[in-house]
């Protein structure tokens, strides 16, 4: 385990990937702040839309 931590801490590829991920997150957050409303977002996934069920 100690070797894994050292390898992760010294990995330039992981550092670069993490920096790129942070940049994308900041861009996404910035674009969301400038939207007119939350309803403009297209959501995905099973929780995004309510299911219509007959009882």
C-alpha atoms as a PDB file:
ATOM      1  CA  UNK A   1       0.000   0.000   0.000  1.00  0.00           C
ATOM      2  CA  UNK A   2       2.804   2.416   0.843  1.00  0.00           C
ATOM      3  CA  UNK A   3       4.269   1.886  -2.628  1.00  0.00           C
ATOM      4  CA  UNK A   4       0.908   2.735  -4.202  1.00  0.00           C
ATOM      5  CA  UNK A   5       0.709   6.024  -2.301  1.00  0.00           C
ATOM      6  CA  UNK A   6       4.230   6.963  -3.348  1.00  0.00           C
ATOM      7  CA  UNK A   7       3.529   6.103  -6.980  1.00  0.00           C
ATOM      8  CA  UNK A   8       0.322   8.156  -6.989  1.00  0.00           C
ATOM      9  CA  UNK A   9       1.994  11.132  -5.353  1.00  0.00           C
ATOM     10  CA  UNK A  10       4.830  11.056  -7.906  1.00  0.00           C
ATOM     11  CA  UNK A  11       2.695  10.462 -11.011  1.00  0.00           C
ATOM     12  CA  UNK A  12       2.785  13.368 -13.457  1.00  0.00           C
ATOM     13  CA  UNK A  13      -0.018  11.789 -15.508  1.00  0.00           C
ATOM     14  CA  UNK A  14      -2.383  11.690 -12.533  1.00  0.00           C
ATOM     15  CA  UNK A  15      -1.510  15.259 -11.591  1.00  0.00           C
ATOM     16  CA  UNK A  16      -2.237  16.451 -15.125  1.00  0.00           C
ATOM     17  CA  UNK A  17      -5.513  14.517 -15.256  1.00  0.00           C
ATOM     18  CA  UNK A  18      -6.596  15.935 -11.891  1.00  0.00           C
ATOM     19  CA  UNK A  19      -5.800  19.486 -13.027  1.00  0.00           C
ATOM     20  CA  UNK A  20      -7.830  18.988 -16.211  1.00  0.00           C
ATOM     21  CA  UNK A  21     -10.735  17.610 -14.186  1.00  0.00           C
ATOM     22  CA  UNK A  22     -10.690  20.658 -11.910  1.00  0.00           C
ATOM     23  CA  UNK A  23     -10.668  22.975 -14.936  1.00  0.00           C
ATOM     24  CA  UNK A  24     -13.701  21.200 -16.434  1.00  0.00           C
ATOM     25  CA  UNK A  25     -15.520  21.341 -13.100  1.00  0.00           C
ATOM     26  CA  UNK A  26     -14.897  25.081 -12.820  1.00  0.00           C
ATOM     27  CA  UNK A  27     -16.101  25.652 -16.399  1.00  0.00           C
ATOM     28  CA  UNK A  28     -19.247  23.625 -15.729  1.00  0.00           C
ATOM     29  CA  UNK A  29     -19.968  25.462 -12.477  1.00  0.00           C
ATOM     30  CA  UNK A  30     -19.438  28.799 -14.191  1.00  0.00           C
ATOM     31  CA  UNK A  31     -21.821  27.951 -17.021  1.00  0.00           C
ATOM     32  CA  UNK A  32     -24.460  26.747 -14.550  1.00  0.00           C
ATOM     33  CA  UNK A  33     -24.285  30.012 -12.615  1.00  0.00           C
ATOM     34  CA  UNK A  34     -25.178  31.977 -15.750  1.00  0.00           C
ATOM     35  CA  UNK A  35     -28.270  29.950 -16.701  1.00  0.00           C
ATOM     36  CA  UNK A  36     -31.691  31.534 -16.499  1.00  0.00           C
ATOM     37  CA  UNK A  37     -33.142  28.728 -14.471  1.00  0.00           C
ATOM     38  CA  UNK A  38     -32.460  25.278 -13.184  1.00  0.00           C
ATOM     39  CA  UNK A  39     -35.184  23.939 -15.489  1.00  0.00           C
ATOM     40  CA  UNK A  40     -32.941  24.550 -18.524  1.00  0.00           C
ATOM     41  CA  UNK A  41     -30.786  21.567 -17.585  1.00  0.00           C
ATOM     42  CA  UNK A  42     -31.213  18.248 -19.350  1.00  0.00           C
ATOM     43  CA  UNK A  43     -30.968  15.581 -16.714  1.00  0.00           C
ATOM     44  CA  UNK A  44     -30.174  11.941 -17.322  1.00  0.00           C
ATOM     45  CA  UNK A  45     -30.502   8.752 -15.371  1.00  0.00           C
ATOM     46  CA  UNK A  46     -33.292   6.843 -13.720  1.00  0.00           C
ATOM     47  CA  UNK A  47     -33.946   9.553 -11.126  1.00  0.00           C
ATOM     48  CA  UNK A  48     -34.116  12.357 -13.693  1.00  0.00           C
ATOM     49  CA  UNK A  49     -37.700  11.748 -14.738  1.00  0.00           C
ATOM     50  CA  UNK A  50     -40.622  10.667 -12.648  1.00  0.00           C
ATOM     51  CA  UNK A  51     -42.161   7.392 -13.680  1.00  0.00           C
ATOM     52  CA  UNK A  52     -45.815   7.353 -14.604  1.00  0.00           C
ATOM     53  CA  UNK A  53     -47.391   4.374 -12.895  1.00  0.00           C
ATOM     54  CA  UNK A  54     -50.964   3.251 -12.549  1.00  0.00           C
ATOM     55  CA  UNK A  55     -51.987   1.743  -9.243  1.00  0.00           C
END
